PDB file of N, CA and C in Angstrom:
ATOM      1  N   UNK A   1       1.167  -1.117   0.039  1.00  0.00           N
ATOM      2  CA  UNK A   1      -0.375  -0.005   0.002  1.00  0.00           C
ATOM      3  C   UNK A   1       1.191   1.723  -0.214  1.00  0.00           C
ATOM      4  N   UNK A   2       0.777   2.448  -0.871  1.00  0.00           N
ATOM      5  CA  UNK A   2       1.351   3.453  -1.266  1.00  0.00           C
ATOM      6  C   UNK A   2       0.686   4.451  -0.543  1.00  0.00           C
ATOM      7  N   UNK A   3       0.976   5.334   0.272  1.00  0.00           N
ATOM      8  CA  UNK A   3       0.254   6.123   1.700  1.00  0.00           C
ATOM      9  C   UNK A   3       0.667   7.700   1.086  1.00  0.00           C
ATOM     10  N   UNK A   4       1.660   7.813   0.059  1.00  0.00           N
ATOM     11  CA  UNK A   4       2.239   8.909  -0.077  1.00  0.00           C
ATOM     12  C   UNK A   4       2.483   9.779   0.848  1.00  0.00           C
ATOM     13  N   UNK A   5       3.127  10.988   0.547  1.00  0.00           N
ATOM     14  CA  UNK A   5       3.399  11.892   1.425  1.00  0.00           C
ATOM     15  C   UNK A   5       2.542  12.583   2.485  1.00  0.00           C
ATOM     16  N   UNK A   6       2.901  12.890   3.416  1.00  0.00           N
ATOM     17  CA  UNK A   6       2.566  13.417   4.596  1.00  0.00           C
ATOM     18  C   UNK A   6       1.648  12.706   5.531  1.00  0.00           C
ATOM     19  N   UNK A   7       0.757  13.543   6.163  1.00  0.00           N
ATOM     20  CA  UNK A   7      -0.740  12.762   6.735  1.00  0.00           C
ATOM     21  C   UNK A   7      -1.559  12.202   5.567  1.00  0.00           C
ATOM     22  N   UNK A   8      -1.345  10.747   6.269  1.00  0.00           N
ATOM     23  CA  UNK A   8      -2.316  10.279   5.890  1.00  0.00           C
ATOM     24  C   UNK A   8      -3.645  10.708   5.858  1.00  0.00           C
ATOM     25  N   UNK A   9      -4.904  11.245   5.422  1.00  0.00           N
ATOM     26  CA  UNK A   9      -6.220  11.898   5.840  1.00  0.00           C
ATOM     27  C   UNK A   9      -7.467   9.754   5.618  1.00  0.00           C
ATOM     28  N   UNK A  10      -7.126   9.523   4.837  1.00  0.00           N
ATOM     29  CA  UNK A  10      -8.097   8.187   4.455  1.00  0.00           C
ATOM     30  C   UNK A  10      -7.197   6.906   4.211  1.00  0.00           C
ATOM     31  N   UNK A  11      -7.922   6.415   4.322  1.00  0.00           N
ATOM     32  CA  UNK A  11      -6.695   5.184   4.016  1.00  0.00           C
ATOM     33  C   UNK A  11      -7.852   4.111   2.917  1.00  0.00           C
ATOM     34  N   UNK A  12      -7.160   3.145   2.076  1.00  0.00           N
ATOM     35  CA  UNK A  12      -7.918   2.959   0.946  1.00  0.00           C
ATOM     36  C   UNK A  12      -8.792   2.313   0.943  1.00  0.00           C
ATOM     37  N   UNK A  13      -9.277   2.000   2.341  1.00  0.00           N
ATOM     38  CA  UNK A  13     -10.885   0.943   2.775  1.00  0.00           C
ATOM     39  C   UNK A  13     -11.560   2.296   2.654  1.00  0.00           C
ATOM     40  N   UNK A  14     -11.501   3.755   2.449  1.00  0.00           N
ATOM     41  CA  UNK A  14     -11.858   4.391   2.886  1.00  0.00           C
ATOM     42  C   UNK A  14     -12.640   5.227   4.239  1.00  0.00           C
ATOM     43  N   UNK A  15     -11.550   4.234   5.087  1.00  0.00           N
ATOM     44  CA  UNK A  15     -12.590   4.828   6.281  1.00  0.00           C
ATOM     45  C   UNK A  15     -11.315   6.053   6.844  1.00  0.00           C
ATOM     46  N   UNK A  16     -11.427   7.167   7.665  1.00  0.00           N
ATOM     47  CA  UNK A  16     -10.650   8.053   8.151  1.00  0.00           C
ATOM     48  C   UNK A  16      -9.908   7.026   9.212  1.00  0.00           C
ATOM     49  N   UNK A  17      -8.050   8.475   8.999  1.00  0.00           N
ATOM     50  CA  UNK A  17      -7.266   7.566  10.361  1.00  0.00           C
ATOM     51  C   UNK A  17      -7.851   8.425  11.248  1.00  0.00           C
ATOM     52  N   UNK A  18      -6.766   7.710  12.737  1.00  0.00           N
ATOM     53  CA  UNK A  18      -6.862   7.575  13.487  1.00  0.00           C
ATOM     54  C   UNK A  18      -5.756   7.979  13.832  1.00  0.00           C
ATOM     55  N   UNK A  19      -5.651   9.280  15.060  1.00  0.00           N
ATOM     56  CA  UNK A  19      -4.476   9.337  15.499  1.00  0.00           C
ATOM     57  C   UNK A  19      -4.262   8.116  17.373  1.00  0.00           C
ATOM     58  N   UNK A  20      -3.615   7.485  17.121  1.00  0.00           N
ATOM     59  CA  UNK A  20      -2.875   6.545  18.462  1.00  0.00           C
ATOM     60  C   UNK A  20      -1.324   5.993  18.821  1.00  0.00           C
ATOM     61  N   UNK A  21      -1.481   6.632  19.869  1.00  0.00           N
ATOM     62  CA  UNK A  21       0.283   6.166  20.763  1.00  0.00           C
ATOM     63  C   UNK A  21       0.302   4.436  21.228  1.00  0.00           C
ATOM     64  N   UNK A  22       1.442   5.194  20.382  1.00  0.00           N
ATOM     65  CA  UNK A  22       2.055   2.983  20.949  1.00  0.00           C
ATOM     66  C   UNK A  22       2.894   2.860  22.253  1.00  0.00           C
ATOM     67  N   UNK A  23       2.231   1.209  22.823  1.00  0.00           N
ATOM     68  CA  UNK A  23       2.467   1.166  23.418  1.00  0.00           C
ATOM     69  C   UNK A  23       3.640  -0.570  23.600  1.00  0.00           C
ATOM     70  N   UNK A  24       4.021   0.318  22.494  1.00  0.00           N
ATOM     71  CA  UNK A  24       5.275  -1.081  22.236  1.00  0.00           C
ATOM     72  C   UNK A  24       6.248  -0.393  22.971  1.00  0.00           C
ATOM     73  N   UNK A  25       7.725  -1.515  23.097  1.00  0.00           N
ATOM     74  CA  UNK A  25       8.742  -1.591  23.683  1.00  0.00           C
ATOM     75  C   UNK A  25       9.585  -1.105  22.555  1.00  0.00           C
ATOM     76  N   UNK A  26       9.762  -1.559  20.943  1.00  0.00           N
ATOM     77  CA  UNK A  26      10.066  -0.798  20.416  1.00  0.00           C
ATOM     78  C   UNK A  26       9.953   0.967  20.092  1.00  0.00           C
ATOM     79  N   UNK A  27       8.569   1.070  20.272  1.00  0.00           N
ATOM     80  CA  UNK A  27       8.394   2.964  20.083  1.00  0.00           C
ATOM     81  C   UNK A  27       6.972   3.135  20.838  1.00  0.00           C
ATOM     82  N   UNK A  28       7.558   3.389  21.881  1.00  0.00           N
ATOM     83  CA  UNK A  28       6.790   3.623  23.683  1.00  0.00           C
ATOM     84  C   UNK A  28       6.438   4.748  23.489  1.00  0.00           C
ATOM     85  N   UNK A  29       5.524   4.880  24.007  1.00  0.00           N
ATOM     86  CA  UNK A  29       4.920   6.475  23.241  1.00  0.00           C
ATOM     87  C   UNK A  29       4.938   7.399  22.108  1.00  0.00           C
ATOM     88  N   UNK A  30       5.260   6.157  21.289  1.00  0.00           N
ATOM     89  CA  UNK A  30       5.279   7.390  19.410  1.00  0.00           C
ATOM     90  C   UNK A  30       3.675   7.840  19.336  1.00  0.00           C
ATOM     91  N   UNK A  31       3.136   8.194  18.907  1.00  0.00           N
ATOM     92  CA  UNK A  31       1.940   7.899  17.843  1.00  0.00           C
ATOM     93  C   UNK A  31       2.119   8.282  16.580  1.00  0.00           C
ATOM     94  N   UNK A  32       0.746   8.093  15.827  1.00  0.00           N
ATOM     95  CA  UNK A  32       1.009   7.070  14.491  1.00  0.00           C
ATOM     96  C   UNK A  32      -0.935   7.469  14.139  1.00  0.00           C
ATOM     97  N   UNK A  33      -0.496   7.239  12.917  1.00  0.00           N
ATOM     98  CA  UNK A  33      -1.922   7.054  11.881  1.00  0.00           C
ATOM     99  C   UNK A  33      -1.559   6.033  11.556  1.00  0.00           C
ATOM    100  N   UNK A  34      -3.744   5.292  12.045  1.00  0.00           N
ATOM    101  CA  UNK A  34      -3.959   3.808  11.161  1.00  0.00           C
ATOM    102  C   UNK A  34      -5.396   3.730  10.859  1.00  0.00           C
ATOM    103  N   UNK A  35      -5.426   3.432  10.053  1.00  0.00           N
ATOM    104  CA  UNK A  35      -7.185   3.429   9.871  1.00  0.00           C
ATOM    105  C   UNK A  35      -8.050   3.371  11.025  1.00  0.00           C
ATOM    106  N   UNK A  36      -9.038   3.735  10.861  1.00  0.00           N
ATOM    107  CA  UNK A  36      -9.839   4.072  11.833  1.00  0.00           C
ATOM    108  C   UNK A  36     -10.719   2.654  11.893  1.00  0.00           C
ATOM    109  N   UNK A  37     -10.727   1.760  10.369  1.00  0.00           N
ATOM    110  CA  UNK A  37     -11.302   0.797  10.637  1.00  0.00           C
ATOM    111  C   UNK A  37     -10.778  -0.194  10.863  1.00  0.00           C
ATOM    112  N   UNK A  38      -9.945  -0.932  10.686  1.00  0.00           N
ATOM    113  CA  UNK A  38      -9.827  -2.322  10.946  1.00  0.00           C
ATOM    114  C   UNK A  38      -7.547  -1.423  11.595  1.00  0.00           C
ATOM    115  N   UNK A  39      -7.216  -3.042  11.358  1.00  0.00           N
ATOM    116  CA  UNK A  39      -6.203  -3.012  11.778  1.00  0.00           C
ATOM    117  C   UNK A  39      -5.039  -3.779  10.651  1.00  0.00           C
ATOM    118  N   UNK A  40      -4.148  -3.918   9.676  1.00  0.00           N
ATOM    119  CA  UNK A  40      -3.658  -5.147   8.731  1.00  0.00           C
ATOM    120  C   UNK A  40      -2.809  -4.572   7.710  1.00  0.00           C
ATOM    121  N   UNK A  41      -2.093  -5.752   7.775  1.00  0.00           N
ATOM    122  CA  UNK A  41      -1.283  -5.085   6.900  1.00  0.00           C
ATOM    123  C   UNK A  41      -1.788  -4.087   5.263  1.00  0.00           C
ATOM    124  N   UNK A  42      -2.650  -4.325   4.490  1.00  0.00           N
ATOM    125  CA  UNK A  42      -3.724  -3.760   3.739  1.00  0.00           C
ATOM    126  C   UNK A  42      -4.115  -2.016   4.488  1.00  0.00           C
ATOM    127  N   UNK A  43      -3.866  -1.476   5.662  1.00  0.00           N
ATOM    128  CA  UNK A  43      -4.669  -0.771   6.085  1.00  0.00           C
ATOM    129  C   UNK A  43      -2.960   0.817   6.685  1.00  0.00           C
ATOM    130  N   UNK A  44      -3.302   1.494   6.308  1.00  0.00           N
ATOM    131  CA  UNK A  44      -2.684   3.176   6.592  1.00  0.00           C
ATOM    132  C   UNK A  44      -1.715   2.562   8.072  1.00  0.00           C
ATOM    133  N   UNK A  45      -1.232   2.543   8.215  1.00  0.00           N
ATOM    134  CA  UNK A  45      -0.119   2.725   9.164  1.00  0.00           C
ATOM    135  C   UNK A  45       1.209   3.892   9.094  1.00  0.00           C
ATOM    136  N   UNK A  46       1.155   4.911   9.794  1.00  0.00           N
ATOM    137  CA  UNK A  46       2.217   5.819   9.990  1.00  0.00           C
ATOM    138  C   UNK A  46       2.490   6.296  11.171  1.00  0.00           C
ATOM    139  N   UNK A  47       3.483   6.397  11.548  1.00  0.00           N
ATOM    140  CA  UNK A  47       4.238   6.989  12.883  1.00  0.00           C
ATOM    141  C   UNK A  47       4.019   8.644  12.370  1.00  0.00           C
ATOM    142  N   UNK A  48       3.610   9.146  13.345  1.00  0.00           N
ATOM    143  CA  UNK A  48       2.913  11.239  13.634  1.00  0.00           C
ATOM    144  C   UNK A  48       4.233  11.465  12.781  1.00  0.00           C
ATOM    145  N   UNK A  49       5.566  11.580  13.977  1.00  0.00           N
ATOM    146  CA  UNK A  49       6.837  12.704  13.525  1.00  0.00           C
ATOM    147  C   UNK A  49       6.896  11.864  11.966  1.00  0.00           C
ATOM    148  N   UNK A  50       7.219  11.264  11.360  1.00  0.00           N
ATOM    149  CA  UNK A  50       7.555  11.239  10.233  1.00  0.00           C
ATOM    150  C   UNK A  50       6.231  12.186   8.712  1.00  0.00           C
ATOM    151  N   UNK A  51       5.242  11.748   9.288  1.00  0.00           N
ATOM    152  CA  UNK A  51       3.968  12.315   8.272  1.00  0.00           C
ATOM    153  C   UNK A  51       3.928  13.754   8.656  1.00  0.00           C
ATOM    154  N   UNK A  52       4.197  14.357   9.834  1.00  0.00           N
ATOM    155  CA  UNK A  52       4.557  15.656   9.729  1.00  0.00           C
ATOM    156  C   UNK A  52       5.319  16.512   9.081  1.00  0.00           C
ATOM    157  N   UNK A  53       7.208  15.326   9.492  1.00  0.00           N
ATOM    158  CA  UNK A  53       7.902  16.178   8.737  1.00  0.00           C
ATOM    159  C   UNK A  53       7.683  16.313   7.343  1.00  0.00           C
ATOM    160  N   UNK A  54       6.879  15.001   6.587  1.00  0.00           N
ATOM    161  CA  UNK A  54       7.019  15.504   4.889  1.00  0.00           C
ATOM    162  C   UNK A  54       5.659  15.847   4.598  1.00  0.00           C
ATOM    163  N   UNK A  55       4.444  16.001   5.985  1.00  0.00           N
ATOM    164  CA  UNK A  55       3.667  17.346   5.292  1.00  0.00           C
ATOM    165  C   UNK A  55       4.418  18.890   4.935  1.00  0.00           C
ATOM    166  N   UNK A  56       5.208  19.333   6.098  1.00  0.00           N
ATOM    167  CA  UNK A  56       6.221  20.070   6.353  1.00  0.00           C
ATOM    168  C   UNK A  56       6.484  20.252   4.977  1.00  0.00           C
ATOM    169  N   UNK A  57       7.222  19.994   4.019  1.00  0.00           N
ATOM    170  CA  UNK A  57       8.339  19.993   2.874  1.00  0.00           C
ATOM    171  C   UNK A  57       7.711  19.568   2.226  1.00  0.00           C
ATOM    172  N   UNK A  58       6.249  19.248   2.122  1.00  0.00           N
ATOM    173  CA  UNK A  58       5.140  20.029   1.082  1.00  0.00           C
ATOM    174  C   UNK A  58       4.883  20.532   0.748  1.00  0.00           C
ATOM    175  N   UNK A  59       4.283  21.391   2.081  1.00  0.00           N
ATOM    176  CA  UNK A  59       3.708  23.105   1.950  1.00  0.00           C
ATOM    177  C   UNK A  59       4.772  23.720   2.047  1.00  0.00           C
ATOM    178  N   UNK A  60       6.137  23.703   1.914  1.00  0.00           N
ATOM    179  CA  UNK A  60       7.410  24.258   1.886  1.00  0.00           C
ATOM    180  C   UNK A  60       7.065  24.370   0.609  1.00  0.00           C
ATOM    181  N   UNK A  61       7.369  23.488  -0.071  1.00  0.00           N
ATOM    182  CA  UNK A  61       7.414  23.328  -1.697  1.00  0.00           C
ATOM    183  C   UNK A  61       6.443  24.067  -2.717  1.00  0.00           C
ATOM    184  N   UNK A  62       5.135  23.783  -2.049  1.00  0.00           N
ATOM    185  CA  UNK A  62       3.777  24.835  -2.234  1.00  0.00           C
ATOM    186  C   UNK A  62       3.680  26.333  -2.072  1.00  0.00           C
ATOM    187  N   UNK A  63       4.803  26.570  -0.910  1.00  0.00           N
ATOM    188  CA  UNK A  63       4.613  27.873  -0.971  1.00  0.00           C
ATOM    189  C   UNK A  63       5.953  28.203  -1.896  1.00  0.00           C
ATOM    190  N   UNK A  64       6.584  28.215  -1.692  1.00  0.00           N
ATOM    191  CA  UNK A  64       7.935  28.302  -2.569  1.00  0.00           C
ATOM    192  C   UNK A  64       7.377  28.667  -3.986  1.00  0.00           C
ATOM    193  N   UNK A  65       6.725  27.556  -5.156  1.00  0.00           N
ATOM    194  CA  UNK A  65       5.991  27.692  -5.910  1.00  0.00           C
ATOM    195  C   UNK A  65       5.242  29.125  -6.000  1.00  0.00           C
ATOM    196  N   UNK A  66       4.832  29.299  -4.888  1.00  0.00           N
ATOM    197  CA  UNK A  66       3.653  30.222  -5.085  1.00  0.00           C
ATOM    198  C   UNK A  66       3.902  31.655  -5.096  1.00  0.00           C
ATOM    199  N   UNK A  67       5.691  31.464  -4.153  1.00  0.00           N
ATOM    200  CA  UNK A  67       6.102  32.985  -4.024  1.00  0.00           C
ATOM    201  C   UNK A  67       6.939  32.878  -5.107  1.00  0.00           C
ATOM    202  N   UNK A  68       6.775  32.420  -6.505  1.00  0.00           N
ATOM    203  CA  UNK A  68       7.821  32.015  -7.824  1.00  0.00           C
ATOM    204  C   UNK A  68       6.523  33.108  -8.511  1.00  0.00           C
ATOM    205  N   UNK A  69       5.118  32.552  -8.363  1.00  0.00           N
ATOM    206  CA  UNK A  69       4.631  33.065  -9.113  1.00  0.00           C
ATOM    207  C   UNK A  69       3.916  34.479  -9.310  1.00  0.00           C
ATOM    208  N   UNK A  70       4.203  34.908  -7.515  1.00  0.00           N
ATOM    209  CA  UNK A  70       4.139  36.003  -7.386  1.00  0.00           C
ATOM    210  C   UNK A  70       4.072  37.337  -8.542  1.00  0.00           C
ATOM    211  N   UNK A  71       3.861  37.906  -8.918  1.00  0.00           N
ATOM    212  CA  UNK A  71       4.633  39.382  -9.757  1.00  0.00           C
ATOM    213  C   UNK A  71       5.705  39.942  -9.301  1.00  0.00           C
ATOM    214  N   UNK A  72       6.653  40.496  -9.832  1.00  0.00           N
ATOM    215  CA  UNK A  72       7.666  41.846  -9.022  1.00  0.00           C
ATOM    216  C   UNK A  72       7.349  43.013  -9.519  1.00  0.00           C
TER     217      UNK A  72
END
C-alpha cells in the first residue's frame, strides 16, 4: 500500500485515519496514524512525526512555488 507523502487522512478502504499512541517496547509513547476501521497489512499505518515532517516539506514546496508565481 502506497500511502503517499504527508499526513494520511484516509485509508484505501475509505475509512478515516485515527491517531493512536504506541505502547510497544520498540516505540513506547510514539504517536501514529492508523486506519480507523481495520488494523492490518493493507491498511494505513504511519508514524505521526514522520508524516508531519513529510507534510512540512510538501507545504514548503507549495509555498515556494506560489512565491515564484507572484509578480515582482
